[in-house]
Amino acid sequence: MAKGKKRLEVVHLVCQETGDMNYTLRKKSGGEKLKVKKYSPRLRKHTVHVEKKK
């Protein structure tokens, strides 16, 4: 029998300093929340972005 597919969910990466949703990505459901250092166009520097579901 074939196993069920894991669903991909759309998550947004939100800047912790400004609260802007700058990036979207698709990841497998479950696991820990992402915490990534990405570029913030408003501040023009790299800041920490955290995962948020819409």
PDB file of N, CA and C in Angstrom:
ATOM      1  N   MET A   1       0.827  -1.179   0.000  1.00  0.00           N
ATOM      2  CA  MET A   1       0.000   0.000   0.000  1.00  0.00           C
ATOM      3  C   MET A   1       0.876   1.249   0.000  1.00  0.00           C
ATOM      4  N   ALA A   2       0.400   2.266  -0.635  1.00  0.00           N
ATOM      5  CA  ALA A   2       1.136   3.528  -0.689  1.00  0.00           C
ATOM      6  C   ALA A   2       0.905   4.321   0.599  1.00  0.00           C
ATOM      7  N   LYS A   3       1.958   4.989   1.041  1.00  0.00           N
ATOM      8  CA  LYS A   3       1.826   5.824   2.237  1.00  0.00           C
ATOM      9  C   LYS A   3       1.240   7.164   1.859  1.00  0.00           C
ATOM     10  N   GLY A   4       0.594   7.829   2.813  1.00  0.00           N
ATOM     11  CA  GLY A   4       0.012   9.151   2.574  1.00  0.00           C
ATOM     12  C   GLY A   4       1.098  10.203   2.418  1.00  0.00           C
ATOM     13  N   LYS A   5       0.828  11.192   1.597  1.00  0.00           N
ATOM     14  CA  LYS A   5       1.798  12.263   1.380  1.00  0.00           C
ATOM     15  C   LYS A   5       1.737  13.244   2.543  1.00  0.00           C
ATOM     16  N   LYS A   6       2.892  13.800   2.884  1.00  0.00           N
ATOM     17  CA  LYS A   6       2.923  14.871   3.878  1.00  0.00           C
ATOM     18  C   LYS A   6       2.516  16.152   3.172  1.00  0.00           C
ATOM     19  N   ARG A   7       1.647  16.906   3.791  1.00  0.00           N
ATOM     20  CA  ARG A   7       1.156  18.140   3.202  1.00  0.00           C
ATOM     21  C   ARG A   7       2.151  19.270   3.423  1.00  0.00           C
ATOM     22  N   LEU A   8       2.294  20.114   2.430  1.00  0.00           N
ATOM     23  CA  LEU A   8       3.100  21.320   2.566  1.00  0.00           C
ATOM     24  C   LEU A   8       2.172  22.456   2.962  1.00  0.00           C
ATOM     25  N   GLU A   9       2.634  23.271   3.889  1.00  0.00           N
ATOM     26  CA  GLU A   9       1.830  24.416   4.285  1.00  0.00           C
ATOM     27  C   GLU A   9       2.604  25.692   3.992  1.00  0.00           C
ATOM     28  N   VAL A  10       1.877  26.755   3.698  1.00  0.00           N
ATOM     29  CA  VAL A  10       2.483  28.047   3.406  1.00  0.00           C
ATOM     30  C   VAL A  10       2.669  28.790   4.717  1.00  0.00           C
ATOM     31  N   VAL A  11       3.913  29.235   4.969  1.00  0.00           N
ATOM     32  CA  VAL A  11       4.201  30.017   6.165  1.00  0.00           C
ATOM     33  C   VAL A  11       4.865  31.322   5.740  1.00  0.00           C
ATOM     34  N   HIS A  12       4.710  32.336   6.560  1.00  0.00           N
ATOM     35  CA  HIS A  12       5.294  33.644   6.302  1.00  0.00           C
ATOM     36  C   HIS A  12       6.406  33.884   7.308  1.00  0.00           C
ATOM     37  N   LEU A  13       7.478  34.517   6.849  1.00  0.00           N
ATOM     38  CA  LEU A  13       8.546  34.913   7.751  1.00  0.00           C
ATOM     39  C   LEU A  13       8.353  36.385   8.093  1.00  0.00           C
ATOM     40  N   VAL A  14       8.198  36.660   9.386  1.00  0.00           N
ATOM     41  CA  VAL A  14       7.885  37.999   9.868  1.00  0.00           C
ATOM     42  C   VAL A  14       9.098  38.557  10.598  1.00  0.00           C
ATOM     43  N   CYS A  15       9.470  39.794  10.257  1.00  0.00           N
ATOM     44  CA  CYS A  15      10.583  40.471  10.902  1.00  0.00           C
ATOM     45  C   CYS A  15      10.201  40.781  12.346  1.00  0.00           C
ATOM     46  N   GLN A  16      11.089  40.463  13.291  1.00  0.00           N
ATOM     47  CA  GLN A  16      10.792  40.718  14.697  1.00  0.00           C
ATOM     48  C   GLN A  16      10.867  42.202  15.042  1.00  0.00           C
ATOM     49  N   GLU A  17      11.674  42.953  14.338  1.00  0.00           N
ATOM     50  CA  GLU A  17      11.836  44.372  14.672  1.00  0.00           C
ATOM     51  C   GLU A  17      10.722  45.243  14.101  1.00  0.00           C
ATOM     52  N   THR A  18      10.306  44.987  12.853  1.00  0.00           N
ATOM     53  CA  THR A  18       9.298  45.842  12.222  1.00  0.00           C
ATOM     54  C   THR A  18       7.923  45.194  12.144  1.00  0.00           C
ATOM     55  N   GLY A  19       7.833  43.870  12.177  1.00  0.00           N
ATOM     56  CA  GLY A  19       6.557  43.173  12.055  1.00  0.00           C
ATOM     57  C   GLY A  19       6.113  42.975  10.620  1.00  0.00           C
ATOM     58  N   ASP A  20       6.990  43.273   9.653  1.00  0.00           N
ATOM     59  CA  ASP A  20       6.657  43.109   8.234  1.00  0.00           C
ATOM     60  C   ASP A  20       6.760  41.644   7.824  1.00  0.00           C
ATOM     61  N   MET A  21       5.817  41.221   6.945  1.00  0.00           N
ATOM     62  CA  MET A  21       5.899  39.890   6.346  1.00  0.00           C
ATOM     63  C   MET A  21       6.704  40.019   5.065  1.00  0.00           C
ATOM     64  N   ASN A  22       7.992  39.677   5.113  1.00  0.00           N
ATOM     65  CA  ASN A  22       8.872  39.881   3.979  1.00  0.00           C
ATOM     66  C   ASN A  22       9.027  38.651   3.091  1.00  0.00           C
ATOM     67  N   TYR A  23       8.876  37.458   3.626  1.00  0.00           N
ATOM     68  CA  TYR A  23       9.132  36.239   2.872  1.00  0.00           C
ATOM     69  C   TYR A  23       8.017  35.233   3.100  1.00  0.00           C
ATOM     70  N   THR A  24       7.748  34.403   2.085  1.00  0.00           N
ATOM     71  CA  THR A  24       6.837  33.274   2.226  1.00  0.00           C
ATOM     72  C   THR A  24       7.568  32.038   1.755  1.00  0.00           C
ATOM     73  N   LEU A  25       7.227  30.909   2.355  1.00  0.00           N
ATOM     74  CA  LEU A  25       7.803  29.652   1.906  1.00  0.00           C
ATOM     75  C   LEU A  25       6.865  28.517   2.243  1.00  0.00           C
ATOM     76  N   ARG A  26       7.117  27.376   1.610  1.00  0.00           N
ATOM     77  CA  ARG A  26       6.312  26.185   1.850  1.00  0.00           C
ATOM     78  C   ARG A  26       7.173  25.186   2.589  1.00  0.00           C
ATOM     79  N   LYS A  27       6.653  24.658   3.697  1.00  0.00           N
ATOM     80  CA  LYS A  27       7.405  23.671   4.450  1.00  0.00           C
ATOM     81  C   LYS A  27       6.476  22.558   4.887  1.00  0.00           C
ATOM     82  N   LYS A  28       7.058  21.433   5.239  1.00  0.00           N
ATOM     83  CA  LYS A  28       6.269  20.313   5.722  1.00  0.00           C
ATOM     84  C   LYS A  28       5.684  20.661   7.077  1.00  0.00           C
ATOM     85  N   SER A  29       4.474  20.167   7.330  1.00  0.00           N
ATOM     86  CA  SER A  29       3.817  20.477   8.590  1.00  0.00           C
ATOM     87  C   SER A  29       4.529  19.771   9.736  1.00  0.00           C
ATOM     88  N   GLY A  30       4.416  20.356  10.908  1.00  0.00           N
ATOM     89  CA  GLY A  30       5.058  19.802  12.092  1.00  0.00           C
ATOM     90  C   GLY A  30       6.441  20.376  12.294  1.00  0.00           C
ATOM     91  N   GLY A  31       7.074  19.995  13.378  1.00  0.00           N
ATOM     92  CA  GLY A  31       8.413  20.486  13.662  1.00  0.00           C
ATOM     93  C   GLY A  31       8.388  21.812  14.405  1.00  0.00           C
ATOM     94  N   GLU A  32       9.569  22.351  14.640  1.00  0.00           N
ATOM     95  CA  GLU A  32       9.686  23.607  15.370  1.00  0.00           C
ATOM     96  C   GLU A  32       9.467  24.793  14.442  1.00  0.00           C
ATOM     97  N   LYS A  33       9.190  25.949  15.045  1.00  0.00           N
ATOM     98  CA  LYS A  33       9.055  27.176  14.258  1.00  0.00           C
ATOM     99  C   LYS A  33      10.428  27.603  13.764  1.00  0.00           C
ATOM    100  N   LEU A  34      10.461  28.134  12.551  1.00  0.00           N
ATOM    101  CA  LEU A  34      11.717  28.615  11.988  1.00  0.00           C
ATOM    102  C   LEU A  34      12.098  29.948  12.614  1.00  0.00           C
ATOM    103  N   LYS A  35      13.384  30.145  12.776  1.00  0.00           N
ATOM    104  CA  LYS A  35      13.931  31.410  13.254  1.00  0.00           C
ATOM    105  C   LYS A  35      15.188  31.636  12.426  1.00  0.00           C
ATOM    106  N   VAL A  36      15.104  32.537  11.428  1.00  0.00           N
ATOM    107  CA  VAL A  36      16.147  32.699  10.437  1.00  0.00           C
ATOM    108  C   VAL A  36      16.547  34.166  10.348  1.00  0.00           C
ATOM    109  N   LYS A  37      17.821  34.403  10.075  1.00  0.00           N
ATOM    110  CA  LYS A  37      18.288  35.764   9.868  1.00  0.00           C
ATOM    111  C   LYS A  37      18.188  36.066   8.377  1.00  0.00           C
ATOM    112  N   LYS A  38      17.311  37.043   8.016  1.00  0.00           N
ATOM    113  CA  LYS A  38      17.070  37.401   6.627  1.00  0.00           C
ATOM    114  C   LYS A  38      17.169  38.915   6.472  1.00  0.00           C
ATOM    115  N   TYR A  39      17.206  39.373   5.223  1.00  0.00           N
ATOM    116  CA  TYR A  39      17.319  40.792   4.915  1.00  0.00           C
ATOM    117  C   TYR A  39      15.964  41.485   5.060  1.00  0.00           C
ATOM    118  N   SER A  40      15.940  42.609   5.761  1.00  0.00           N
ATOM    119  CA  SER A  40      14.739  43.426   5.907  1.00  0.00           C
ATOM    120  C   SER A  40      14.891  44.676   5.042  1.00  0.00           C
ATOM    121  N   PRO A  41      14.073  44.812   3.986  1.00  0.00           N
ATOM    122  CA  PRO A  41      14.217  45.960   3.090  1.00  0.00           C
ATOM    123  C   PRO A  41      13.910  47.303   3.764  1.00  0.00           C
ATOM    124  N   ARG A  42      13.011  47.322   4.736  1.00  0.00           N
ATOM    125  CA  ARG A  42      12.678  48.578   5.400  1.00  0.00           C
ATOM    126  C   ARG A  42      13.859  49.104   6.218  1.00  0.00           C
ATOM    127  N   LEU A  43      14.530  48.199   6.955  1.00  0.00           N
ATOM    128  CA  LEU A  43      15.669  48.606   7.780  1.00  0.00           C
ATOM    129  C   LEU A  43      16.986  48.589   7.021  1.00  0.00           C
ATOM    130  N   ARG A  44      16.983  47.951   5.866  1.00  0.00           N
ATOM    131  CA  ARG A  44      18.178  47.783   5.029  1.00  0.00           C
ATOM    132  C   ARG A  44      19.321  47.107   5.783  1.00  0.00           C
ATOM    133  N   LYS A  45      18.987  46.051   6.530  1.00  0.00           N
ATOM    134  CA  LYS A  45      19.988  45.232   7.208  1.00  0.00           C
ATOM    135  C   LYS A  45      19.375  43.862   7.506  1.00  0.00           C
ATOM    136  N   HIS A  46      20.207  42.919   7.914  1.00  0.00           N
ATOM    137  CA  HIS A  46      19.745  41.583   8.256  1.00  0.00           C
ATOM    138  C   HIS A  46      19.182  41.581   9.673  1.00  0.00           C
ATOM    139  N   THR A  47      17.989  40.998   9.821  1.00  0.00           N
ATOM    140  CA  THR A  47      17.345  40.885  11.122  1.00  0.00           C
ATOM    141  C   THR A  47      16.801  39.477  11.283  1.00  0.00           C
ATOM    142  N   VAL A  48      16.378  39.148  12.480  1.00  0.00           N
ATOM    143  CA  VAL A  48      15.810  37.830  12.759  1.00  0.00           C
ATOM    144  C   VAL A  48      14.359  37.813  12.295  1.00  0.00           C
ATOM    145  N   HIS A  49      13.989  36.787  11.536  1.00  0.00           N
ATOM    146  CA  HIS A  49      12.622  36.578  11.072  1.00  0.00           C
ATOM    147  C   HIS A  49      12.119  35.283  11.680  1.00  0.00           C
ATOM    148  N   VAL A  50      10.850  35.271  12.110  1.00  0.00           N
ATOM    149  CA  VAL A  50      10.246  34.079  12.686  1.00  0.00           C
ATOM    150  C   VAL A  50       9.056  33.656  11.843  1.00  0.00           C
ATOM    151  N   GLU A  51       8.715  32.388  11.944  1.00  0.00           N
ATOM    152  CA  GLU A  51       7.646  31.804  11.176  1.00  0.00           C
ATOM    153  C   GLU A  51       6.291  32.182  11.768  1.00  0.00           C
ATOM    154  N   LYS A  52       5.334  32.497  10.880  1.00  0.00           N
ATOM    155  CA  LYS A  52       3.977  32.790  11.304  1.00  0.00           C
ATOM    156  C   LYS A  52       3.031  32.221  10.264  1.00  0.00           C
ATOM    157  N   LYS A  53       2.016  31.495  10.711  1.00  0.00           N
ATOM    158  CA  LYS A  53       1.011  30.989   9.790  1.00  0.00           C
ATOM    159  C   LYS A  53      -0.020  32.066   9.553  1.00  0.00           C
ATOM    160  N   LYS A  54      -0.595  32.091   8.366  1.00  0.00           N
ATOM    161  CA  LYS A  54      -1.586  33.120   8.058  1.00  0.00           C
ATOM    162  C   LYS A  54      -2.955  32.647   8.446  1.00  0.00           C
TER     163      LYS A  54
END
